[in-house]
């Protein structure tokens, strides 16, 4: 999510800014130390907003989607379009992913 995405979400929704963070285009997070987060048994809603093209690494997004599918109380909503939209849509459908979808 970019700074502009974050500003838009804050402007149009009543949400605590501390619940949002900016992440660069689908980086490989294995290079970074894990961030400890307590969720308190509430559903964690993850949102990807923006372009879905080759630079956003759709293969890495599909790996992320598969990992999310293994977790309880987490959903992933994808809001965007681009050249790789169909790749991700087909991935979700063919793997019967339930925790991730498109808006």
Protein backbone atom coordinates (compact mmCIF):
# COMPACT_ATOMS: atom_id res chain seq x y z
CA UNK A 1 0.00 0.00 0.00
CA UNK A 2 1.29 3.42 -0.89
CA UNK A 3 1.06 6.63 1.15
CA UNK A 4 -1.74 7.77 -1.18
CA UNK A 5 -3.67 4.51 -0.49
CA UNK A 6 -3.25 5.01 3.25
CA UNK A 7 -4.45 8.63 3.06
CA UNK A 8 -7.49 7.57 1.02
CA UNK A 9 -8.45 4.86 3.50
CA UNK A 10 -8.10 7.25 6.44
CA UNK A 11 -10.12 9.95 4.66
CA UNK A 12 -13.01 7.65 3.75
CA UNK A 13 -13.15 5.30 6.75
CA UNK A 14 -13.26 5.58 10.51
CA UNK A 15 -10.17 3.55 11.36
CA UNK A 16 -7.32 3.97 13.79
CA UNK A 17 -4.18 4.95 11.84
CA UNK A 18 -2.10 2.59 14.01
CA UNK A 19 -3.92 -0.35 12.37
CA UNK A 20 -2.55 0.54 8.93
CA UNK A 21 0.94 0.38 7.53
CA UNK A 22 2.61 1.06 4.21
CA UNK A 23 4.30 -1.89 2.54
CA UNK A 24 6.33 -1.62 -0.66
CA UNK A 25 5.21 -3.58 -3.73
CA UNK A 26 5.22 -7.24 -2.72
CA UNK A 27 8.70 -7.55 -1.31
CA UNK A 28 10.06 -10.85 -0.05
CA UNK A 29 9.52 -10.41 3.69
CA UNK A 30 11.77 -13.35 4.61
CA UNK A 31 14.65 -10.83 4.61
CA UNK A 32 13.10 -8.90 7.48
CA UNK A 33 12.70 -9.82 11.15
CA UNK A 34 9.21 -11.00 12.12
CA UNK A 35 6.95 -8.38 13.63
CA UNK A 36 5.19 -9.52 16.78
CA UNK A 37 1.53 -8.65 16.77
CA UNK A 38 -1.27 -9.61 19.13
CA UNK A 39 -4.62 -9.90 17.38
CA UNK A 40 -6.88 -10.68 20.39
CA UNK A 41 -8.89 -13.36 18.55
CA UNK A 42 -10.42 -10.76 16.24
CA UNK A 43 -10.46 -11.19 12.51
CA UNK A 44 -7.47 -9.60 10.81
CA UNK A 45 -8.47 -8.06 7.49
CA UNK A 46 -5.67 -7.50 4.99
CA UNK A 47 -6.26 -5.35 1.93
CA UNK A 48 -4.18 -5.03 -1.23
CA UNK A 49 -5.10 -2.01 -3.30
CA UNK A 50 -3.49 -1.07 -6.57
CA UNK A 51 -2.04 -2.37 -9.78
CA UNK A 52 -1.76 -6.11 -10.40
CA UNK A 53 1.01 -6.27 -12.97
CA UNK A 54 4.32 -8.06 -13.38
CA UNK A 55 6.23 -5.49 -11.22
CA UNK A 56 3.98 -6.38 -8.27
CA UNK A 57 5.21 -10.00 -8.51
CA UNK A 58 1.96 -11.99 -8.86
CA UNK A 59 3.80 -15.24 -8.07
CA UNK A 60 4.82 -13.86 -4.66
CA UNK A 61 1.25 -12.63 -4.09
CA UNK A 62 -0.03 -16.14 -4.88
CA UNK A 63 2.39 -17.62 -2.32
CA UNK A 64 1.09 -15.11 0.24
CA UNK A 65 -2.50 -16.07 -0.61
CA UNK A 66 -1.68 -19.75 0.00
CA UNK A 67 -0.16 -18.96 3.40
CA UNK A 68 -3.16 -16.84 4.40
CA UNK A 69 -5.45 -19.76 3.53
CA UNK A 70 -3.78 -21.85 6.28
CA UNK A 71 -4.55 -19.31 9.00
CA UNK A 72 -7.75 -18.78 10.98
CA UNK A 73 -9.39 -15.39 11.42
CA UNK A 74 -7.50 -13.73 8.57
CA UNK A 75 -8.98 -12.52 5.30
CA UNK A 76 -7.26 -10.93 2.30
CA UNK A 77 -9.16 -8.67 -0.07
CA UNK A 78 -7.63 -7.60 -3.37
CA UNK A 79 -8.84 -4.34 -4.89
CA UNK A 80 -7.20 -3.60 -8.20
CA UNK A 81 -6.66 -4.53 -11.80
CA UNK A 82 -3.84 -5.04 -14.24
CA UNK A 83 -2.19 -7.50 -16.56
CA UNK A 84 -1.89 -10.18 -13.85
CA UNK A 85 -5.44 -9.90 -12.50
CA UNK A 86 -6.53 -13.07 -14.35
CA UNK A 87 -3.47 -14.99 -13.11
CA UNK A 88 -4.42 -14.26 -9.48
CA UNK A 89 -8.14 -14.80 -10.10
CA UNK A 90 -7.40 -18.20 -11.67
CA UNK A 91 -5.02 -19.07 -8.83
CA UNK A 92 -7.70 -18.35 -6.22
CA UNK A 93 -10.38 -20.26 -8.14
CA UNK A 94 -8.30 -23.29 -9.12
CA UNK A 95 -6.92 -23.71 -5.59
CA UNK A 96 -10.35 -23.21 -3.99
CA UNK A 97 -9.06 -20.35 -1.83
CA UNK A 98 -11.68 -19.14 0.63
CA UNK A 99 -9.87 -16.51 2.74
CA UNK A 100 -8.81 -14.34 -0.21
CA UNK A 101 -11.01 -12.67 -2.81
CA UNK A 102 -11.42 -9.71 -5.13
CA UNK A 103 -13.58 -6.67 -4.61
